[in-house]
Amino acid sequence: MSVSKKIKLLLVEREMTMTELAEKLNTGKSNLSGKMKRDNFSENDLKKIAEVLNCDYDIVFTMKDSGKQI
């Protein structure tokens, strides 16, 4: 599942609009919308979004040959 889809699901769970999220991130709705369409977020963006949506943000790498997560 793409990051944008995950954010959309979180917005529904939090009963928040994209406009409200953009305001809380101190960015324009068009800027946020563009990132959502391109599914193009920096790690810093994702940390801020997680904070605003009261979520933990974790990055996990899973090795394909062993299934080990790092």
PDB file of N, CA and C in Angstrom:
ATOM      1  N   MET A   1       0.845  -1.172   0.000  1.00  0.00           N
ATOM      2  CA  MET A   1       0.000   0.000   0.000  1.00  0.00           C
ATOM      3  C   MET A   1       0.889   1.233   0.000  1.00  0.00           C
ATOM      4  N   SER A   2       0.547   2.201  -0.818  1.00  0.00           N
ATOM      5  CA  SER A   2       1.356   3.416  -0.918  1.00  0.00           C
ATOM      6  C   SER A   2       1.234   4.252   0.355  1.00  0.00           C
ATOM      7  N   VAL A   3       2.199   5.108   0.560  1.00  0.00           N
ATOM      8  CA  VAL A   3       2.193   6.002   1.715  1.00  0.00           C
ATOM      9  C   VAL A   3       0.984   6.929   1.647  1.00  0.00           C
ATOM     10  N   SER A   4       0.666   7.427   0.454  1.00  0.00           N
ATOM     11  CA  SER A   4      -0.488   8.322   0.304  1.00  0.00           C
ATOM     12  C   SER A   4      -1.777   7.637   0.731  1.00  0.00           C
ATOM     13  N   LYS A   5      -1.940   6.386   0.376  1.00  0.00           N
ATOM     14  CA  LYS A   5      -3.151   5.649   0.765  1.00  0.00           C
ATOM     15  C   LYS A   5      -3.196   5.479   2.279  1.00  0.00           C
ATOM     16  N   LYS A   6      -2.052   5.215   2.879  1.00  0.00           N
ATOM     17  CA  LYS A   6      -2.000   5.074   4.331  1.00  0.00           C
ATOM     18  C   LYS A   6      -2.383   6.388   5.014  1.00  0.00           C
ATOM     19  N   ILE A   7      -1.891   7.491   4.483  1.00  0.00           N
ATOM     20  CA  ILE A   7      -2.231   8.799   5.054  1.00  0.00           C
ATOM     21  C   ILE A   7      -3.725   9.059   4.910  1.00  0.00           C
ATOM     22  N   LYS A   8      -4.293   8.733   3.753  1.00  0.00           N
ATOM     23  CA  LYS A   8      -5.734   8.921   3.552  1.00  0.00           C
ATOM     24  C   LYS A   8      -6.535   8.095   4.558  1.00  0.00           C
ATOM     25  N   LEU A   9      -6.118   6.859   4.812  1.00  0.00           N
ATOM     26  CA  LEU A   9      -6.793   6.019   5.800  1.00  0.00           C
ATOM     27  C   LEU A   9      -6.695   6.633   7.202  1.00  0.00           C
ATOM     28  N   LEU A  10      -5.524   7.154   7.520  1.00  0.00           N
ATOM     29  CA  LEU A  10      -5.353   7.796   8.823  1.00  0.00           C
ATOM     30  C   LEU A  10      -6.233   9.035   8.951  1.00  0.00           C
ATOM     31  N   LEU A  11      -6.361   9.791   7.869  1.00  0.00           N
ATOM     32  CA  LEU A  11      -7.217  10.976   7.902  1.00  0.00           C
ATOM     33  C   LEU A  11      -8.662  10.585   8.184  1.00  0.00           C
ATOM     34  N   VAL A  12      -9.119   9.514   7.575  1.00  0.00           N
ATOM     35  CA  VAL A  12     -10.481   9.032   7.833  1.00  0.00           C
ATOM     36  C   VAL A  12     -10.608   8.619   9.299  1.00  0.00           C
ATOM     37  N   GLU A  13      -9.631   7.866   9.799  1.00  0.00           N
ATOM     38  CA  GLU A  13      -9.651   7.411  11.196  1.00  0.00           C
ATOM     39  C   GLU A  13      -9.679   8.591  12.168  1.00  0.00           C
ATOM     40  N   ARG A  14      -8.954   9.639  11.826  1.00  0.00           N
ATOM     41  CA  ARG A  14      -8.849  10.820  12.703  1.00  0.00           C
ATOM     42  C   ARG A  14      -9.929  11.863  12.414  1.00  0.00           C
ATOM     43  N   GLU A  15     -10.787  11.558  11.442  1.00  0.00           N
ATOM     44  CA  GLU A  15     -11.846  12.485  11.034  1.00  0.00           C
ATOM     45  C   GLU A  15     -11.270  13.874  10.742  1.00  0.00           C
ATOM     46  N   MET A  16     -10.236  13.880   9.906  1.00  0.00           N
ATOM     47  CA  MET A  16      -9.533  15.100   9.541  1.00  0.00           C
ATOM     48  C   MET A  16      -9.496  15.222   8.032  1.00  0.00           C
ATOM     49  N   THR A  17      -9.590  16.441   7.532  1.00  0.00           N
ATOM     50  CA  THR A  17      -9.507  16.668   6.093  1.00  0.00           C
ATOM     51  C   THR A  17      -8.071  16.951   5.695  1.00  0.00           C
ATOM     52  N   MET A  18      -7.825  16.889   4.396  1.00  0.00           N
ATOM     53  CA  MET A  18      -6.486  17.241   3.874  1.00  0.00           C
ATOM     54  C   MET A  18      -6.179  18.706   4.198  1.00  0.00           C
ATOM     55  N   THR A  19      -7.190  19.548   4.111  1.00  0.00           N
ATOM     56  CA  THR A  19      -6.999  20.973   4.410  1.00  0.00           C
ATOM     57  C   THR A  19      -6.564  21.159   5.856  1.00  0.00           C
ATOM     58  N   GLU A  20      -7.212  20.445   6.770  1.00  0.00           N
ATOM     59  CA  GLU A  20      -6.841  20.537   8.182  1.00  0.00           C
ATOM     60  C   GLU A  20      -5.428  20.017   8.414  1.00  0.00           C
ATOM     61  N   LEU A  21      -5.086  18.927   7.750  1.00  0.00           N
ATOM     62  CA  LEU A  21      -3.730  18.392   7.880  1.00  0.00           C
ATOM     63  C   LEU A  21      -2.709  19.395   7.362  1.00  0.00           C
ATOM     64  N   ALA A  22      -2.976  19.965   6.210  1.00  0.00           N
ATOM     65  CA  ALA A  22      -2.052  20.961   5.639  1.00  0.00           C
ATOM     66  C   ALA A  22      -1.865  22.137   6.597  1.00  0.00           C
ATOM     67  N   GLU A  23      -2.950  22.606   7.191  1.00  0.00           N
ATOM     68  CA  GLU A  23      -2.856  23.719   8.144  1.00  0.00           C
ATOM     69  C   GLU A  23      -1.992  23.351   9.336  1.00  0.00           C
ATOM     70  N   LYS A  24      -2.182  22.146   9.874  1.00  0.00           N
ATOM     71  CA  LYS A  24      -1.403  21.714  11.038  1.00  0.00           C
ATOM     72  C   LYS A  24       0.069  21.503  10.691  1.00  0.00           C
ATOM     73  N   LEU A  25       0.343  21.240   9.412  1.00  0.00           N
ATOM     74  CA  LEU A  25       1.726  21.061   8.956  1.00  0.00           C
ATOM     75  C   LEU A  25       2.351  22.380   8.524  1.00  0.00           C
ATOM     76  N   ASN A  26       1.576  23.459   8.579  1.00  0.00           N
ATOM     77  CA  ASN A  26       2.030  24.779   8.133  1.00  0.00           C
ATOM     78  C   ASN A  26       2.478  24.759   6.676  1.00  0.00           C
ATOM     79  N   THR A  27       1.675  24.117   5.855  1.00  0.00           N
ATOM     80  CA  THR A  27       1.957  24.066   4.418  1.00  0.00           C
ATOM     81  C   THR A  27       0.661  24.327   3.667  1.00  0.00           C
ATOM     82  N   GLY A  28       0.766  24.571   2.391  1.00  0.00           N
ATOM     83  CA  GLY A  28      -0.419  24.797   1.576  1.00  0.00           C
ATOM     84  C   GLY A  28      -1.093  23.496   1.200  1.00  0.00           C
ATOM     85  N   LYS A  29      -2.404  23.576   1.020  1.00  0.00           N
ATOM     86  CA  LYS A  29      -3.144  22.379   0.622  1.00  0.00           C
ATOM     87  C   LYS A  29      -2.644  21.876  -0.727  1.00  0.00           C
ATOM     88  N   SER A  30      -2.312  22.804  -1.649  1.00  0.00           N
ATOM     89  CA  SER A  30      -1.843  22.381  -2.973  1.00  0.00           C
ATOM     90  C   SER A  30      -0.504  21.657  -2.878  1.00  0.00           C
ATOM     91  N   ASN A  31       0.358  22.093  -1.975  1.00  0.00           N
ATOM     92  CA  ASN A  31       1.645  21.419  -1.774  1.00  0.00           C
ATOM     93  C   ASN A  31       1.428  20.002  -1.257  1.00  0.00           C
ATOM     94  N   LEU A  32       0.572  19.865  -0.252  1.00  0.00           N
ATOM     95  CA  LEU A  32       0.285  18.542   0.305  1.00  0.00           C
ATOM     96  C   LEU A  32      -0.400  17.658  -0.730  1.00  0.00           C
ATOM     97  N   SER A  33      -1.323  18.229  -1.457  1.00  0.00           N
ATOM     98  CA  SER A  33      -2.036  17.478  -2.492  1.00  0.00           C
ATOM     99  C   SER A  33      -1.073  16.959  -3.560  1.00  0.00           C
ATOM    100  N   GLY A  34      -0.123  17.789  -3.958  1.00  0.00           N
ATOM    101  CA  GLY A  34       0.886  17.378  -4.942  1.00  0.00           C
ATOM    102  C   GLY A  34       1.723  16.217  -4.445  1.00  0.00           C
ATOM    103  N   LYS A  35       2.129  16.276  -3.185  1.00  0.00           N
ATOM    104  CA  LYS A  35       2.918  15.182  -2.605  1.00  0.00           C
ATOM    105  C   LYS A  35       2.089  13.911  -2.540  1.00  0.00           C
ATOM    106  N   MET A  36       0.794  14.061  -2.234  1.00  0.00           N
ATOM    107  CA  MET A  36      -0.087  12.898  -2.174  1.00  0.00           C
ATOM    108  C   MET A  36      -0.241  12.276  -3.559  1.00  0.00           C
ATOM    109  N   LYS A  37      -0.407  13.093  -4.579  1.00  0.00           N
ATOM    110  CA  LYS A  37      -0.594  12.578  -5.947  1.00  0.00           C
ATOM    111  C   LYS A  37       0.661  11.863  -6.438  1.00  0.00           C
ATOM    112  N   ARG A  38       1.820  12.429  -6.108  1.00  0.00           N
ATOM    113  CA  ARG A  38       3.087  11.835  -6.556  1.00  0.00           C
ATOM    114  C   ARG A  38       3.583  10.757  -5.598  1.00  0.00           C
ATOM    115  N   ASP A  39       2.938  10.662  -4.425  1.00  0.00           N
ATOM    116  CA  ASP A  39       3.387   9.749  -3.376  1.00  0.00           C
ATOM    117  C   ASP A  39       4.867  10.014  -3.088  1.00  0.00           C
ATOM    118  N   ASN A  40       5.162  11.298  -2.871  1.00  0.00           N
ATOM    119  CA  ASN A  40       6.540  11.752  -2.747  1.00  0.00           C
ATOM    120  C   ASN A  40       6.708  12.547  -1.452  1.00  0.00           C
ATOM    121  N   PHE A  41       7.131  11.860  -0.392  1.00  0.00           N
ATOM    122  CA  PHE A  41       7.306  12.484   0.905  1.00  0.00           C
ATOM    123  C   PHE A  41       8.727  12.259   1.387  1.00  0.00           C
ATOM    124  N   SER A  42       9.283  13.267   2.029  1.00  0.00           N
ATOM    125  CA  SER A  42      10.582  13.080   2.668  1.00  0.00           C
ATOM    126  C   SER A  42      10.352  12.393   4.014  1.00  0.00           C
ATOM    127  N   GLU A  43      11.403  11.867   4.573  1.00  0.00           N
ATOM    128  CA  GLU A  43      11.285  11.242   5.890  1.00  0.00           C
ATOM    129  C   GLU A  43      10.816  12.271   6.910  1.00  0.00           C
ATOM    130  N   ASN A  44      11.295  13.498   6.786  1.00  0.00           N
ATOM    131  CA  ASN A  44      10.889  14.569   7.684  1.00  0.00           C
ATOM    132  C   ASN A  44       9.390  14.851   7.549  1.00  0.00           C
ATOM    133  N   ASP A  45       8.882  14.863   6.310  1.00  0.00           N
ATOM    134  CA  ASP A  45       7.441  15.047   6.081  1.00  0.00           C
ATOM    135  C   ASP A  45       6.648  13.983   6.828  1.00  0.00           C
ATOM    136  N   LEU A  46       7.076  12.736   6.691  1.00  0.00           N
ATOM    137  CA  LEU A  46       6.348  11.625   7.295  1.00  0.00           C
ATOM    138  C   LEU A  46       6.387  11.678   8.815  1.00  0.00           C
ATOM    139  N   LYS A  47       7.502  12.120   9.374  1.00  0.00           N
ATOM    140  CA  LYS A  47       7.590  12.275  10.829  1.00  0.00           C
ATOM    141  C   LYS A  47       6.618  13.337  11.314  1.00  0.00           C
ATOM    142  N   LYS A  48       6.536  14.453  10.590  1.00  0.00           N
ATOM    143  CA  LYS A  48       5.615  15.530  10.963  1.00  0.00           C
ATOM    144  C   LYS A  48       4.164  15.078  10.834  1.00  0.00           C
ATOM    145  N   ILE A  49       3.849  14.365   9.753  1.00  0.00           N
ATOM    146  CA  ILE A  49       2.487  13.867   9.547  1.00  0.00           C
ATOM    147  C   ILE A  49       2.114  12.913  10.674  1.00  0.00           C
ATOM    148  N   ALA A  50       3.023  12.022  11.022  1.00  0.00           N
ATOM    149  CA  ALA A  50       2.768  11.073  12.112  1.00  0.00           C
ATOM    150  C   ALA A  50       2.509  11.813  13.422  1.00  0.00           C
ATOM    151  N   GLU A  51       3.293  12.835  13.673  1.00  0.00           N
ATOM    152  CA  GLU A  51       3.113  13.611  14.907  1.00  0.00           C
ATOM    153  C   GLU A  51       1.733  14.273  14.935  1.00  0.00           C
ATOM    154  N   VAL A  52       1.358  14.910  13.842  1.00  0.00           N
ATOM    155  CA  VAL A  52       0.067  15.586  13.754  1.00  0.00           C
ATOM    156  C   VAL A  52      -1.085  14.593  13.905  1.00  0.00           C
ATOM    157  N   LEU A  53      -0.926  13.396  13.335  1.00  0.00           N
ATOM    158  CA  LEU A  53      -1.989  12.391  13.383  1.00  0.00           C
ATOM    159  C   LEU A  53      -1.891  11.490  14.613  1.00  0.00           C
ATOM    160  N   ASN A  54      -0.979  11.830  15.535  1.00  0.00           N
ATOM    161  CA  ASN A  54      -0.794  11.097  16.783  1.00  0.00           C
ATOM    162  C   ASN A  54      -0.507   9.615  16.513  1.00  0.00           C
ATOM    163  N   CYS A  55       0.501   9.387  15.682  1.00  0.00           N
ATOM    164  CA  CYS A  55       0.914   8.032  15.315  1.00  0.00           C
ATOM    165  C   CYS A  55       2.418   7.886  15.497  1.00  0.00           C
ATOM    166  N   ASP A  56       2.853   6.649  15.634  1.00  0.00           N
ATOM    167  CA  ASP A  56       4.280   6.342  15.591  1.00  0.00           C
ATOM    168  C   ASP A  56       4.668   6.186  14.125  1.00  0.00           C
ATOM    169  N   TYR A  57       5.884   6.581  13.806  1.00  0.00           N
ATOM    170  CA  TYR A  57       6.409   6.429  12.449  1.00  0.00           C
ATOM    171  C   TYR A  57       7.623   5.520  12.537  1.00  0.00           C
ATOM    172  N   ASP A  58       7.531   4.370  11.890  1.00  0.00           N
ATOM    173  CA  ASP A  58       8.619   3.389  11.922  1.00  0.00           C
ATOM    174  C   ASP A  58       9.008   3.011  10.500  1.00  0.00           C
ATOM    175  N   ILE A  59      10.302   2.913  10.282  1.00  0.00           N
ATOM    176  CA  ILE A  59      10.802   2.415   9.004  1.00  0.00           C
ATOM    177  C   ILE A  59      11.358   1.019   9.261  1.00  0.00           C
ATOM    178  N   VAL A  60      10.956   0.071   8.435  1.00  0.00           N
ATOM    179  CA  VAL A  60      11.433  -1.302   8.583  1.00  0.00           C
ATOM    180  C   VAL A  60      11.956  -1.784   7.231  1.00  0.00           C
ATOM    181  N   PHE A  61      13.166  -2.299   7.252  1.00  0.00           N
ATOM    182  CA  PHE A  61      13.731  -2.956   6.081  1.00  0.00           C
ATOM    183  C   PHE A  61      13.649  -4.450   6.340  1.00  0.00           C
ATOM    184  N   THR A  62      13.131  -5.205   5.371  1.00  0.00           N
ATOM    185  CA  THR A  62      13.050  -6.644   5.510  1.00  0.00           C
ATOM    186  C   THR A  62      13.941  -7.289   4.445  1.00  0.00           C
ATOM    187  N   MET A  63      14.885  -8.080   4.892  1.00  0.00           N
ATOM    188  CA  MET A  63      15.786  -8.744   3.963  1.00  0.00           C
ATOM    189  C   MET A  63      15.015  -9.810   3.209  1.00  0.00           C
ATOM    190  N   LYS A  64      15.070  -9.772   1.880  1.00  0.00           N
ATOM    191  CA  LYS A  64      14.290 -10.670   1.041  1.00  0.00           C
ATOM    192  C   LYS A  64      14.715 -12.130   1.163  1.00  0.00           C
ATOM    193  N   ASP A  65      15.977 -12.361   1.355  1.00  0.00           N
ATOM    194  CA  ASP A  65      16.441 -13.747   1.402  1.00  0.00           C
ATOM    195  C   ASP A  65      16.195 -14.420   2.748  1.00  0.00           C
ATOM    196  N   SER A  66      16.162 -13.644   3.832  1.00  0.00           N
ATOM    197  CA  SER A  66      16.004 -14.257   5.142  1.00  0.00           C
ATOM    198  C   SER A  66      14.736 -13.835   5.885  1.00  0.00           C
ATOM    199  N   GLY A  67      14.126 -12.759   5.443  1.00  0.00           N
ATOM    200  CA  GLY A  67      12.948 -12.258   6.130  1.00  0.00           C
ATOM    201  C   GLY A  67      13.278 -11.445   7.392  1.00  0.00           C
ATOM    202  N   LYS A  68      14.566 -11.317   7.675  1.00  0.00           N
ATOM    203  CA  LYS A  68      15.002 -10.563   8.853  1.00  0.00           C
ATOM    204  C   LYS A  68      14.660  -9.096   8.672  1.00  0.00           C
ATOM    205  N   GLN A  69      14.096  -8.486   9.725  1.00  0.00           N
ATOM    206  CA  GLN A  69      13.747  -7.080   9.674  1.00  0.00           C
ATOM    207  C   GLN A  69      14.782  -6.255  10.401  1.00  0.00           C
ATOM    208  N   ILE A  70      15.119  -5.145   9.793  1.00  0.00           N
ATOM    209  CA  ILE A  70      16.116  -4.240  10.380  1.00  0.00           C
ATOM    210  C   ILE A  70      15.495  -2.862  10.453  1.00  0.00           C
TER     211      ILE A  70
END
